[in-house]
């Protein structure tokens, strides 16, 4: 469903999803994930991200699935963390 939401929601002919639509989808699809509120806060207040490409979108899912809520197993060199520094 998560992957489908990206493809379904982006504008026809575009390869990326605008950040506002992405935030709305994150809230809808992952609202019960403990990472979601902080991720949305980051995207709305501290990030210069304007769009999500498919790799970034899928990295968010991996990040929220793999990294513990206390970030104790966070690895900044991991492939799924790259989107946070854009």
Protein backbone atom coordinates (compact mmCIF):
# COMPACT_ATOMS: atom_id res chain seq x y z
CA UNK A 1 0.00 0.00 0.00
CA UNK A 2 2.82 2.40 0.92
CA UNK A 3 4.60 1.95 -2.43
CA UNK A 4 1.33 2.18 -4.34
CA UNK A 5 0.44 5.43 -2.55
CA UNK A 6 3.56 7.08 -3.95
CA UNK A 7 2.81 6.05 -7.52
CA UNK A 8 -0.88 6.87 -7.24
CA UNK A 9 -0.40 10.29 -5.65
CA UNK A 10 2.29 11.87 -7.78
CA UNK A 11 1.34 14.03 -10.71
CA UNK A 12 1.04 12.25 -14.05
CA UNK A 13 4.35 12.29 -15.87
CA UNK A 14 6.30 13.32 -12.75
CA UNK A 15 8.95 11.20 -11.06
CA UNK A 16 8.53 12.79 -7.65
CA UNK A 17 5.84 13.55 -5.09
CA UNK A 18 5.52 17.05 -3.64
CA UNK A 19 6.38 17.23 0.05
CA UNK A 20 2.93 18.46 1.15
CA UNK A 21 1.21 15.48 -0.45
CA UNK A 22 3.89 13.23 1.00
CA UNK A 23 3.33 14.57 4.50
CA UNK A 24 -0.41 14.01 4.18
CA UNK A 25 0.21 10.44 3.01
CA UNK A 26 2.68 9.79 5.82
CA UNK A 27 0.07 10.92 8.33
CA UNK A 28 -2.56 8.70 6.77
CA UNK A 29 -0.42 5.61 6.19
CA UNK A 30 1.91 5.75 9.17
CA UNK A 31 0.08 7.84 11.74
CA UNK A 32 0.47 5.18 14.42
CA UNK A 33 4.24 4.85 13.92
CA UNK A 34 6.14 6.56 16.76
CA UNK A 35 8.57 8.17 14.28
CA UNK A 36 5.85 9.88 12.26
CA UNK A 37 5.27 13.03 14.35
CA UNK A 38 8.99 13.87 14.53
CA UNK A 39 9.49 13.10 10.87
CA UNK A 40 6.62 15.40 9.89
CA UNK A 41 7.95 18.11 12.19
CA UNK A 42 11.36 17.81 10.56
CA UNK A 43 9.91 17.97 7.06
CA UNK A 44 7.70 20.98 7.78
CA UNK A 45 10.04 23.06 9.93
CA UNK A 46 13.68 22.11 9.46
CA UNK A 47 14.10 20.61 6.05
CA UNK A 48 14.50 22.12 2.63
CA UNK A 49 12.95 19.05 1.00
CA UNK A 50 10.46 20.10 -1.70
CA UNK A 51 9.72 16.69 -3.22
CA UNK A 52 10.22 13.00 -2.52
CA UNK A 53 11.65 10.74 -5.16
CA UNK A 54 10.78 7.05 -5.00
CA UNK A 55 14.06 6.09 -3.28
CA UNK A 56 13.52 8.68 -0.56
CA UNK A 57 9.91 7.61 -0.11
CA UNK A 58 10.92 3.98 0.33
CA UNK A 59 13.79 4.97 2.64
CA UNK A 60 11.29 6.58 4.99
CA UNK A 61 9.47 3.26 5.28
CA UNK A 62 12.74 1.42 5.92
CA UNK A 63 13.85 4.00 8.50
CA UNK A 64 10.60 3.83 10.44
CA UNK A 65 10.60 0.03 10.31
CA UNK A 66 14.24 -0.56 11.29
CA UNK A 67 15.29 2.25 13.63
CA UNK A 68 14.10 2.02 17.21
CA UNK A 69 12.11 4.89 18.68
CA UNK A 70 14.97 5.87 20.99
CA UNK A 71 17.32 5.91 17.94
CA UNK A 72 19.75 3.60 19.76
CA UNK A 73 20.35 1.56 16.60
CA UNK A 74 20.48 4.58 14.28
CA UNK A 75 23.36 4.38 11.79
CA UNK A 76 23.96 7.63 9.93
CA UNK A 77 25.98 5.73 7.33
CA UNK A 78 23.08 3.43 6.50
CA UNK A 79 21.53 3.79 3.06
CA UNK A 80 18.09 4.56 4.50
CA UNK A 81 19.28 7.65 6.35
CA UNK A 82 20.43 9.70 3.36
CA UNK A 83 17.16 11.57 2.88
CA UNK A 84 17.46 13.31 6.24
CA UNK A 85 20.42 15.36 5.08
CA UNK A 86 19.00 16.76 1.86
